[in-house]
Protein backbone atom coordinates (compact mmCIF):
# COMPACT_ATOMS: atom_id res chain seq x y z
CA UNK A 1 97.82 109.81 90.32
CA UNK A 2 94.41 110.99 88.02
CA UNK A 3 93.42 114.61 86.98
CA UNK A 4 89.92 115.42 88.69
CA UNK A 5 87.94 118.32 87.18
CA UNK A 6 86.39 119.62 90.43
CA UNK A 7 88.60 118.94 93.67
CA UNK A 8 85.56 120.16 95.53
CA UNK A 9 83.37 117.13 94.53
CA UNK A 10 86.19 114.28 94.66
CA UNK A 11 86.41 115.03 98.24
CA UNK A 12 83.12 115.08 98.60
CA UNK A 13 82.17 112.10 97.73
CA UNK A 14 85.60 109.58 98.06
CA UNK A 15 85.88 111.05 101.66
CA UNK A 16 82.40 111.72 102.58
CA UNK A 17 80.45 108.41 100.82
CA UNK A 18 83.22 106.06 100.51
CA UNK A 19 85.35 106.93 103.75
CA UNK A 20 88.44 108.29 102.18
CA UNK A 21 91.04 110.17 104.17
CA UNK A 22 92.70 113.30 103.17
CA UNK A 23 96.61 112.42 103.72
CA UNK A 24 97.84 115.92 102.89
CA UNK A 25 97.74 117.85 100.51
CA UNK A 26 98.89 120.97 98.33
CA UNK A 27 98.61 123.72 100.64
CA UNK A 28 98.62 126.06 98.46
CA UNK A 29 94.63 126.71 98.33
CA UNK A 30 91.83 127.01 100.99
CA UNK A 31 90.09 124.63 101.13
CA UNK A 32 87.98 122.05 99.90
CA UNK A 33 89.69 123.69 97.10
CA UNK A 34 92.89 121.87 96.78
CA UNK A 35 94.71 121.71 93.62
CA UNK A 36 96.53 118.12 95.01
CA UNK A 37 95.20 115.99 97.50
CA UNK A 38 97.05 112.46 98.30
CA UNK A 39 94.15 110.20 99.71
CA UNK A 40 94.29 106.86 102.32
CA UNK A 41 91.77 104.29 102.97
CA UNK A 42 92.95 101.43 104.51
CA UNK A 43 96.21 100.48 103.04
CA UNK A 44 95.12 102.25 100.10
CA UNK A 45 96.40 105.37 98.24
CA UNK A 46 95.11 107.28 95.47
CA UNK A 47 96.33 110.54 94.34
CA UNK A 48 93.97 113.24 93.27
CA UNK A 49 95.49 116.41 90.93
CA UNK A 50 93.19 119.30 89.47
CA UNK A 51 92.94 119.30 85.04
CA UNK A 52 93.50 123.18 86.30
CA UNK A 53 94.16 125.35 88.30
CA UNK A 54 90.82 126.25 91.03
CA UNK A 55 90.95 129.87 89.12
CA UNK A 56 91.24 128.52 85.33
CA UNK A 57 88.63 125.60 85.29
CA UNK A 58 85.94 126.14 83.11
CA UNK A 59 82.39 126.70 84.12
CA UNK A 60 81.61 122.61 82.86
CA UNK A 61 83.71 119.65 82.10
CA UNK A 62 85.45 119.25 78.35
CA UNK A 63 84.09 116.26 77.40
CA UNK A 64 86.88 115.12 74.82
CA UNK A 65 88.96 115.33 78.19
CA UNK A 66 86.64 112.98 79.73
CA UNK A 67 85.71 110.75 76.74
CA UNK A 68 88.62 107.80 78.24
CA UNK A 69 87.82 107.77 82.02
CA UNK A 70 85.38 105.28 81.49
CA UNK A 71 88.25 102.91 80.18
CA UNK A 72 89.87 103.52 83.39
CA UNK A 73 88.98 101.57 86.57
CA UNK A 74 89.92 101.11 90.08
CA UNK A 75 90.44 98.40 92.06
CA UNK A 76 89.58 98.05 95.85
CA UNK A 77 89.34 95.11 97.59
CA UNK A 78 86.62 94.41 100.08
CA UNK A 79 86.32 91.31 101.64
CA UNK A 80 82.52 92.17 102.34
CA UNK A 81 81.42 93.55 99.15
CA UNK A 82 77.57 92.91 99.98
CA UNK A 83 78.34 95.24 103.03
CA UNK A 84 79.56 98.16 100.15
CA UNK A 85 76.89 97.68 98.48
CA UNK A 86 74.35 98.22 101.40
CA UNK A 87 77.10 101.63 102.92
CA UNK A 88 76.89 103.13 99.59
CA UNK A 89 73.21 102.54 99.19
CA UNK A 90 72.39 103.84 102.20
CA UNK A 91 73.62 107.16 101.41
CA UNK A 92 72.02 107.13 98.51
CA UNK A 93 74.22 106.56 95.55
CA UNK A 94 72.07 104.39 92.84
CA UNK A 95 74.02 101.08 92.16
CA UNK A 96 72.91 97.65 90.41
CA UNK A 97 73.93 94.76 93.33
CA UNK A 98 77.21 93.07 92.70
CA UNK A 99 77.30 89.75 90.39
CA UNK A 100 79.55 87.68 90.92
CA UNK A 101 81.78 87.23 87.70
CA UNK A 102 82.98 83.95 85.63
CA UNK A 103 86.44 83.98 86.85
CA UNK A 104 84.82 83.55 91.38
CA UNK A 105 85.15 87.83 91.76
CA UNK A 106 82.29 89.66 94.14
CA UNK A 107 82.20 92.68 91.71
CA UNK A 108 80.35 96.16 92.94
CA UNK A 109 80.74 98.71 89.92
CA UNK A 110 79.88 101.82 89.83
CA UNK A 111 81.69 106.09 88.69
CA UNK A 112 83.02 108.55 90.77
CA UNK A 113 81.80 112.55 90.12
CA UNK A 114 84.49 112.38 86.58
CA UNK A 115 83.46 109.34 85.55
CA UNK A 116 85.87 107.11 86.59
CA UNK A 117 85.20 102.85 86.64
CA UNK A 118 85.54 102.28 90.87
CA UNK A 119 85.16 98.25 91.20
CA UNK A 120 84.69 96.98 94.93
CA UNK A 121 85.95 93.44 94.55
CA UNK A 122 86.92 90.24 96.99
CA UNK A 123 87.02 86.15 95.58
CA UNK A 124 83.01 84.75 96.16
CA UNK A 125 82.87 82.48 98.62
CA UNK A 126 81.87 78.54 97.03
């Protein structure tokens, strides 16, 4: 489970851009301002919780709280990394092309709205 600053922004990115679907919510708040959400994308499950209750969220994220987000990476298996890249580019996401790591994994990295690293990866074809 990841704590996020603004659930509506996350849902727009994770559902609208990446293709996750909402599996379950807290049902305590009106969409898209949930405090807790369980997302699914294929076999991947991801739970999100707001770092602040919706009505108590500060006007902007606390930089101290988000400082370590770049140290966290979520890896998603993607048999066609190039297709993920093309899809994200078609949606206006500015990212660098996938690269093959020395350990033979083709990887595509980007950051989500809170600064967490995302990597779509698959074994490179020989």
